[in-house]
Amino acid sequence: MRRFFVPFALTLSLGPLAPALAQDNPVAEAIQDYMDFAPYEAGLILPAQITPDLRANVTFVDTRSADQFQAETIPGAINIEWREIPARLDALPAEGLVVLFCNTGSLSAQATFAARLLGRENVVVLQGGLSGWMAR
């Protein structure tokens, strides 16, 4: 697991040197390729964009802890902690829209980024997380 985060941190901290370093590291290369071509809005959705007709085809994934999930969640959501997303990628539907969320969107954004790097383009993060969903 750490091998993913160390190259990711290096890619971010070394900025302009990242493309040169990416040539020697397949993880860093995949990250750089994704970031070079992803539009700004790639991988996210606003609560207001999830209309009643769209909601019928959405799988919500609560990426918080089991205790937080038990206390409150979006009705119908399944629980997969954010750190488990890469290992449990097969638990996410390959078809339809998959919306990951946490309390505010920060941890689920990391899980979404990982899922998208692993080829799941149908996975998005709920901007604002559960807090944004409740405030809609």
Protein backbone atom coordinates (compact mmCIF):
# COMPACT_ATOMS: atom_id res chain seq x y z
CA MET A 1 0.00 0.00 0.00
CA ARG A 2 2.76 2.45 0.87
CA ARG A 3 4.40 2.01 -2.50
CA PHE A 4 1.40 3.79 -4.07
CA PHE A 5 1.40 6.75 -1.69
CA VAL A 6 5.16 7.41 -1.70
CA PRO A 7 5.35 7.86 -5.51
CA PHE A 8 2.13 9.88 -5.36
CA ALA A 9 3.62 12.22 -2.74
CA LEU A 10 6.84 12.49 -4.71
CA THR A 11 4.92 13.26 -7.90
CA LEU A 12 3.11 16.10 -6.18
CA SER A 13 6.12 17.53 -4.38
CA LEU A 14 8.53 17.43 -7.28
CA GLY A 15 6.15 19.20 -9.66
CA PRO A 16 8.01 19.89 -12.92
CA LEU A 17 10.37 16.95 -12.41
CA ALA A 18 7.48 14.48 -12.24
CA PRO A 19 7.34 13.68 -16.00
CA ALA A 20 11.04 12.75 -16.01
CA LEU A 21 10.66 10.62 -12.88
CA ALA A 22 7.51 8.97 -14.24
CA GLN A 23 9.52 7.27 -16.95
CA ASP A 24 11.18 5.08 -14.32
CA ASN A 25 8.08 4.38 -12.22
CA PRO A 26 4.92 2.84 -13.71
CA VAL A 27 2.73 4.09 -10.84
CA ALA A 28 3.98 7.64 -11.20
CA GLU A 29 3.58 7.36 -14.98
CA ALA A 30 -0.07 6.25 -14.60
CA ILE A 31 -0.76 9.13 -12.23
CA GLN A 32 0.88 11.66 -14.54
CA ASP A 33 -0.97 10.29 -17.58
CA TYR A 34 -4.30 10.55 -15.78
CA MET A 35 -3.62 14.07 -14.56
CA ASP A 36 -2.41 15.24 -17.97
CA PHE A 37 -5.66 14.29 -19.68
CA ALA A 38 -8.38 14.41 -17.01
CA PRO A 39 -10.65 17.45 -17.28
CA TYR A 40 -11.12 19.52 -14.13
CA GLU A 41 -14.54 18.07 -13.43
CA ALA A 42 -13.49 14.46 -13.99
CA GLY A 43 -14.45 12.18 -11.19
CA LEU A 44 -16.86 14.39 -9.25
CA ILE A 45 -20.54 15.09 -8.98
CA LEU A 46 -22.48 17.69 -7.04
CA PRO A 47 -25.44 16.61 -4.88
CA ALA A 48 -27.74 18.82 -6.99
CA GLN A 49 -26.72 16.88 -10.12
CA ILE A 50 -28.19 13.67 -8.72
CA THR A 51 -31.76 14.12 -9.83
CA PRO A 52 -34.52 11.63 -8.91
CA ASP A 53 -34.38 10.01 -12.35
CA LEU A 54 -30.57 9.63 -12.16
CA ARG A 55 -30.67 8.36 -8.57
CA ALA A 56 -32.41 5.15 -9.63
CA ASN A 57 -29.22 4.16 -11.50
CA VAL A 58 -26.67 5.25 -8.88
CA THR A 59 -24.79 3.00 -6.51
CA PHE A 60 -23.80 5.00 -3.44
CA VAL A 61 -20.70 3.82 -1.56
CA ASP A 62 -20.08 5.20 1.91
CA THR A 63 -16.30 5.15 2.33
CA ARG A 64 -16.35 6.00 6.03
CA SER A 65 -15.87 3.56 8.91
CA ALA A 66 -18.50 0.94 9.72
CA ASP A 67 -19.43 2.85 12.89
CA GLN A 68 -20.03 6.07 10.96
CA PHE A 69 -21.99 4.16 8.31
CA GLN A 70 -24.21 2.59 10.99
CA ALA A 71 -24.89 6.00 12.58
CA GLU A 72 -25.99 7.77 9.37
CA THR A 73 -25.67 7.34 5.62
CA ILE A 74 -27.45 7.93 2.33
CA PRO A 75 -30.35 5.47 2.08
CA GLY A 76 -29.39 2.41 0.04
CA ALA A 77 -25.63 3.03 0.29
CA ILE A 78 -23.16 0.20 0.75
CA ASN A 79 -20.13 0.53 3.01
CA ILE A 80 -16.56 0.05 1.78
CA GLU A 81 -13.95 1.99 3.74
CA TRP A 82 -11.94 4.33 1.52
CA ARG A 83 -8.67 2.45 2.04
CA GLU A 84 -10.30 -0.79 0.89
CA ILE A 85 -11.50 0.49 -2.50
CA PRO A 86 -8.47 -0.71 -4.54
CA ALA A 87 -8.58 -4.19 -2.97
CA ARG A 88 -12.37 -4.44 -3.31
CA LEU A 89 -12.71 -2.86 -6.76
CA ASP A 90 -14.74 -5.87 -7.92
CA ALA A 91 -17.41 -4.95 -5.33
CA LEU A 92 -18.13 -1.78 -7.32
CA PRO A 93 -20.48 -2.18 -10.26
CA ALA A 94 -18.68 -1.89 -13.60
CA GLU A 95 -21.82 -0.38 -15.15
CA GLY A 96 -23.89 2.60 -14.06
CA LEU A 97 -22.79 5.51 -11.93
CA VAL A 98 -20.92 4.71 -8.70
CA VAL A 99 -20.81 7.64 -6.24
CA LEU A 100 -18.30 7.46 -3.40
CA PHE A 101 -18.73 9.70 -0.36
CA CYS A 102 -17.38 10.32 3.12
CA ASN A 103 -18.16 13.15 5.54
CA THR A 104 -16.85 16.00 3.38
CA GLY A 105 -15.46 14.36 0.24
CA SER A 106 -11.75 14.39 1.01
CA LEU A 107 -11.17 10.68 1.80
CA SER A 108 -13.64 9.50 -0.81
CA ALA A 109 -11.83 11.70 -3.35
CA GLN A 110 -8.67 9.68 -2.72
CA ALA A 111 -10.61 6.44 -3.15
CA THR A 112 -12.20 7.77 -6.34
CA PHE A 113 -8.80 8.77 -7.71
CA ALA A 114 -7.48 5.26 -7.05
CA ALA A 115 -10.53 3.60 -8.62
CA ARG A 116 -10.27 5.78 -11.72
CA LEU A 117 -6.55 5.05 -12.06
CA LEU A 118 -7.46 1.37 -11.89
CA GLY A 119 -9.81 1.83 -14.85
CA ARG A 120 -13.19 2.55 -13.26
CA GLU A 121 -14.29 5.66 -15.14
CA ASN A 122 -17.85 5.28 -13.82
CA VAL A 123 -16.73 6.08 -10.26
CA VAL A 124 -17.12 9.66 -9.03
CA VAL A 125 -16.83 11.46 -5.69
CA LEU A 126 -19.78 13.27 -4.16
CA GLN A 127 -18.47 16.81 -3.74
CA GLY A 128 -19.17 17.95 -0.21
CA GLY A 129 -19.71 14.36 0.95
CA LEU A 130 -22.52 13.40 3.27
CA SER A 131 -22.55 16.94 4.66
CA GLY A 132 -23.23 18.33 1.18
CA TRP A 133 -25.87 15.67 0.54
CA MET A 134 -27.73 16.51 3.75
CA ALA A 135 -27.58 20.27 3.01
CA ARG A 136 -29.00 19.96 -0.53
